[in-house]
N, C-alpha and C. Protein backbone atom coordinates (compact mmCIF):
# COMPACT_ATOMS: atom_id res chain seq x y z
N MET A 1 14.90 -4.39 20.12
CA MET A 1 14.06 -5.71 19.47
C MET A 1 14.58 -5.43 18.28
N SER A 2 14.87 -6.96 17.48
CA SER A 2 15.50 -7.30 16.40
C SER A 2 15.29 -8.02 15.75
N ALA A 3 15.46 -8.08 14.71
CA ALA A 3 14.72 -8.75 13.11
C ALA A 3 15.38 -8.89 12.00
N THR A 4 15.56 -10.06 11.16
CA THR A 4 16.38 -10.48 11.03
C THR A 4 16.27 -11.36 9.66
N ILE A 5 16.30 -10.77 8.43
CA ILE A 5 15.97 -11.32 7.27
C ILE A 5 17.08 -11.62 6.56
N THR A 6 16.95 -13.07 5.69
CA THR A 6 17.91 -13.03 5.03
C THR A 6 17.67 -13.71 3.24
N VAL A 7 17.63 -12.53 2.15
CA VAL A 7 17.90 -12.71 1.52
C VAL A 7 18.24 -14.14 0.51
N ARG A 8 17.91 -14.61 -0.07
CA ARG A 8 18.86 -15.94 -0.56
C ARG A 8 18.36 -16.05 -2.13
N ARG A 9 19.44 -16.47 -2.92
CA ARG A 9 19.20 -16.34 -4.72
C ARG A 9 19.10 -15.13 -4.83
N MET A 10 19.79 -14.38 -4.51
CA MET A 10 19.92 -12.43 -5.01
C MET A 10 20.80 -12.62 -6.86
N ASP A 11 20.19 -11.72 -7.17
CA ASP A 11 20.63 -11.50 -8.45
C ASP A 11 21.85 -10.95 -8.16
N PRO A 12 22.91 -11.47 -8.69
CA PRO A 12 24.81 -10.71 -8.52
C PRO A 12 24.17 -9.24 -9.19
N GLY A 13 23.81 -9.23 -10.10
CA GLY A 13 23.38 -7.48 -10.46
C GLY A 13 23.18 -6.82 -9.33
N ASP A 14 21.80 -6.79 -8.78
CA ASP A 14 21.21 -7.11 -7.71
C ASP A 14 22.18 -6.38 -6.36
N LYS A 15 22.75 -7.28 -6.25
CA LYS A 15 23.41 -7.10 -5.19
C LYS A 15 24.47 -5.94 -5.65
N ALA A 16 25.23 -5.91 -6.73
CA ALA A 16 26.23 -4.78 -7.26
C ALA A 16 25.69 -3.86 -7.26
N TRP A 17 24.47 -3.44 -7.82
CA TRP A 17 23.80 -2.25 -7.77
C TRP A 17 23.40 -1.87 -6.54
N LEU A 18 23.02 -2.97 -5.66
CA LEU A 18 22.55 -2.57 -3.88
C LEU A 18 23.56 -2.11 -2.68
N ARG A 19 25.58 -2.55 -3.31
CA ARG A 19 26.27 -2.14 -2.40
C ARG A 19 26.65 -0.38 -3.10
N SER A 20 26.90 -0.74 -4.42
CA SER A 20 26.90 0.55 -5.38
C SER A 20 26.72 1.76 -4.55
N GLU A 21 24.49 1.38 -4.31
CA GLU A 21 23.83 2.92 -4.23
C GLU A 21 24.55 2.72 -2.73
N ALA A 22 24.57 1.84 -1.53
CA ALA A 22 24.61 2.23 -0.38
C ALA A 22 25.71 2.63 -0.20
N ARG A 23 27.18 2.58 -1.23
CA ARG A 23 28.50 3.27 -1.03
C ARG A 23 28.23 4.66 -1.37
N HIS A 24 27.01 5.11 -2.50
CA HIS A 24 27.24 6.31 -3.00
C HIS A 24 26.37 7.03 -1.82
N ALA A 25 25.73 6.56 -0.86
CA ALA A 25 24.59 7.23 -0.13
C ALA A 25 25.67 7.21 1.03
N GLY A 26 27.19 6.46 1.43
CA GLY A 26 27.64 6.37 2.68
C GLY A 26 26.93 5.75 3.97
N VAL A 27 26.61 4.96 3.47
CA VAL A 27 26.03 3.92 4.20
C VAL A 27 26.25 2.20 4.12
N SER A 28 26.04 1.66 5.02
CA SER A 28 26.28 0.10 4.94
C SER A 28 25.29 -0.46 4.31
N MET A 29 25.13 -1.53 3.20
CA MET A 29 23.95 -2.22 2.74
C MET A 29 22.74 -2.39 3.24
N GLU A 30 23.06 -2.73 4.61
CA GLU A 30 21.99 -3.00 5.53
C GLU A 30 21.26 -1.48 5.91
N GLU A 31 21.53 -0.57 6.15
CA GLU A 31 21.23 0.78 6.76
C GLU A 31 20.41 1.33 5.36
N PHE A 32 20.81 0.81 4.61
CA PHE A 32 20.66 1.30 2.98
C PHE A 32 19.03 0.56 2.51
N VAL A 33 18.94 -0.45 3.09
CA VAL A 33 18.03 -1.63 2.84
C VAL A 33 16.74 -1.35 3.89
N ARG A 34 17.24 -0.31 4.85
CA ARG A 34 16.03 0.10 6.41
C ARG A 34 15.72 1.53 5.72
N ARG A 35 16.20 2.18 4.93
CA ARG A 35 15.94 3.42 4.59
C ARG A 35 15.05 3.07 3.63
N MET A 36 15.23 2.35 2.72
CA MET A 36 14.92 2.09 1.24
C MET A 36 13.22 1.35 2.11
N ILE A 37 12.89 0.35 2.89
CA ILE A 37 11.98 0.07 3.48
C ILE A 37 11.12 1.29 4.30
N ARG A 38 11.60 1.59 4.80
CA ARG A 38 11.32 3.13 5.30
C ARG A 38 10.15 4.04 4.50
N ASP A 39 10.99 4.37 3.45
CA ASP A 39 9.98 5.34 2.46
C ASP A 39 9.28 4.90 2.14
N GLN A 40 9.33 3.81 1.54
CA GLN A 40 8.34 2.93 0.79
C GLN A 40 7.01 2.59 1.97
N ARG A 41 7.58 2.31 3.09
CA ARG A 41 6.46 2.42 4.05
C ARG A 41 5.76 4.28 3.90
N GLU A 42 5.98 4.71 4.25
CA GLU A 42 5.57 6.10 3.90
C GLU A 42 4.95 6.62 3.17
N ALA A 43 5.46 6.09 1.22
CA ALA A 43 5.16 6.67 0.05
C ALA A 43 3.41 5.53 0.53
N SER A 44 3.39 4.70 0.88
CA SER A 44 2.44 4.01 0.67
C SER A 44 1.47 4.18 1.72
N ARG A 45 1.65 5.25 2.53
CA ARG A 45 0.37 5.35 3.83
C ARG A 45 -0.13 6.82 2.60
N ARG A 46 0.44 7.79 1.82
CA ARG A 46 0.74 8.77 1.59
C ARG A 46 -0.70 8.36 0.06
N ARG A 47 -0.68 7.03 -0.30
CA ARG A 47 -1.08 6.41 -1.81
C ARG A 47 -2.40 7.07 -1.31
N MET A 48 -3.32 7.75 -2.29
CA MET A 48 -4.63 7.93 -2.40
C MET A 48 -5.75 6.70 -2.72
N ARG A 49 -6.13 6.16 -1.47
CA ARG A 49 -6.91 5.35 -1.71
C ARG A 49 -8.57 5.66 -2.90
N PRO A 50 -9.20 4.04 -3.96
CA PRO A 50 -9.47 5.11 -4.33
C PRO A 50 -11.07 5.66 -3.92
N SER A 51 -11.61 5.58 -3.04
CA SER A 51 -12.58 6.35 -2.74
C SER A 51 -11.42 7.78 -2.83
N GLU A 52 -11.22 7.72 -2.37
CA GLU A 52 -10.91 9.65 -2.32
C GLU A 52 -10.27 10.53 -3.81
N ALA A 53 -9.85 9.02 -4.51
CA ALA A 53 -9.32 9.71 -6.33
C ALA A 53 -10.46 10.07 -6.55
N PHE A 54 -11.36 8.92 -6.77
CA PHE A 54 -12.90 9.66 -7.41
C PHE A 54 -13.56 10.78 -6.67
N SER A 55 -13.47 10.96 -5.12
CA SER A 55 -13.84 12.57 -4.89
C SER A 55 -13.00 13.23 -5.49
N ARG A 56 -12.07 13.02 -5.59
CA ARG A 56 -11.03 14.44 -5.70
C ARG A 56 -11.53 14.55 -7.17
N TYR A 57 -11.71 13.98 -8.26
CA TYR A 57 -11.72 14.12 -9.85
C TYR A 57 -12.76 14.19 -10.17
N PHE A 58 -14.40 13.72 -9.59
CA PHE A 58 -15.67 13.78 -9.46
C PHE A 58 -16.52 13.79 -8.93
N GLY A 59 -16.31 14.58 -7.44
CA GLY A 59 -17.10 15.46 -6.97
C GLY A 59 -17.08 16.55 -7.39
N PRO A 60 -18.11 17.51 -6.36
CA PRO A 60 -19.10 18.27 -6.81
C PRO A 60 -18.64 19.43 -7.45
N GLU A 61 -17.57 20.05 -6.81
CA GLU A 61 -16.39 20.72 -7.30
C GLU A 61 -16.83 20.65 -9.20
N HIS A 62 -16.56 19.20 -9.68
CA HIS A 62 -16.48 18.97 -10.97
C HIS A 62 -18.01 18.92 -11.52
N GLY A 63 -18.92 18.70 -10.91
CA GLY A 63 -20.23 19.36 -11.31
C GLY A 63 -20.84 17.44 -11.60
N VAL A 64 -20.61 16.70 -10.44
CA VAL A 64 -20.84 15.49 -10.94
C VAL A 64 -21.13 15.44 -9.12
N GLU A 65 -22.65 15.24 -9.01
CA GLU A 65 -23.26 14.67 -7.85
C GLU A 65 -23.05 13.30 -7.01
N LEU A 66 -22.21 13.03 -5.81
CA LEU A 66 -21.98 11.76 -5.41
C LEU A 66 -23.14 11.06 -4.89
N PRO A 67 -23.67 10.08 -5.19
CA PRO A 67 -24.68 9.97 -3.59
C PRO A 67 -24.30 9.32 -2.35
N MET A 68 -24.81 9.50 -1.43
CA MET A 68 -24.80 9.03 -0.19
C MET A 68 -24.08 8.08 -0.28
N ARG A 69 -22.88 7.57 0.56
CA ARG A 69 -22.77 6.25 1.36
C ARG A 69 -23.75 5.28 1.41
N GLY A 70 -24.02 4.16 0.94
CA GLY A 70 -25.45 3.57 1.32
C GLY A 70 -24.94 2.78 2.65
N CYS A 71 -25.95 1.74 3.19
CA CYS A 71 -25.64 0.47 4.42
C CYS A 71 -26.38 -0.68 3.39
N HIS A 72 -25.66 -1.68 2.33
CA HIS A 72 -26.35 -2.54 2.19
C HIS A 72 -26.31 -3.80 3.14
N GLY A 73 -26.90 -4.24 4.41
CA GLY A 73 -26.76 -4.89 5.37
C GLY A 73 -27.94 -6.30 4.72
N TYR A 74 -27.12 -7.56 5.33
CA TYR A 74 -27.74 -8.82 5.13
C TYR A 74 -28.95 -9.30 5.43
N ARG A 75 -29.75 -9.79 4.95
CA ARG A 75 -31.02 -10.31 5.68
C ARG A 75 -31.36 -11.50 5.21
N PRO A 76 -31.24 -12.40 6.86
CA PRO A 76 -31.31 -13.53 6.41
C PRO A 76 -32.74 -14.34 5.93
N VAL A 77 -32.74 -15.12 5.28
CA VAL A 77 -33.59 -15.85 4.73
C VAL A 77 -34.64 -16.77 5.64
N GLU A 78 -35.76 -16.29 5.53
CA GLU A 78 -36.77 -16.93 6.97
C GLU A 78 -37.35 -17.90 5.79
N PHE A 79 -37.73 -19.38 5.94
CA PHE A 79 -38.31 -20.35 5.81
C PHE A 79 -39.60 -20.57 6.49
N ARG A 80 -41.06 -20.73 6.24
CA ARG A 80 -42.02 -21.13 6.52
C ARG A 80 -42.86 -22.13 6.20
N ASP A 81 -43.36 -22.84 7.36
CA ASP A 81 -44.04 -23.84 6.54
C ASP A 81 -45.82 -23.66 6.52
N VAL A 82 -45.08 -23.89 4.61
CA VAL A 82 -46.65 -23.93 4.16
C VAL A 82 -47.99 -24.71 4.29
N GLU A 83 -48.81 -24.47 4.67
CA GLU A 83 -50.11 -25.82 4.91
C GLU A 83 -50.96 -25.22 3.73
């Protein structure tokens, strides 16, 4: 499986930084970008969801009673003929 990404109009300073960082890591620019993408993807998976953060800081352990998650369903409107 092969995917190709072309980056156009890249700032020359960004390209120089990328080349320098890749050289410092001892890999090609392509491999360096691959690793950056993989690291960011893994970091986003570890990121806490808002509900998890709320429970962590405001849960029963911290003196706050959280209500049970409710289900607020959609109730269709009914039209009746009135005589």
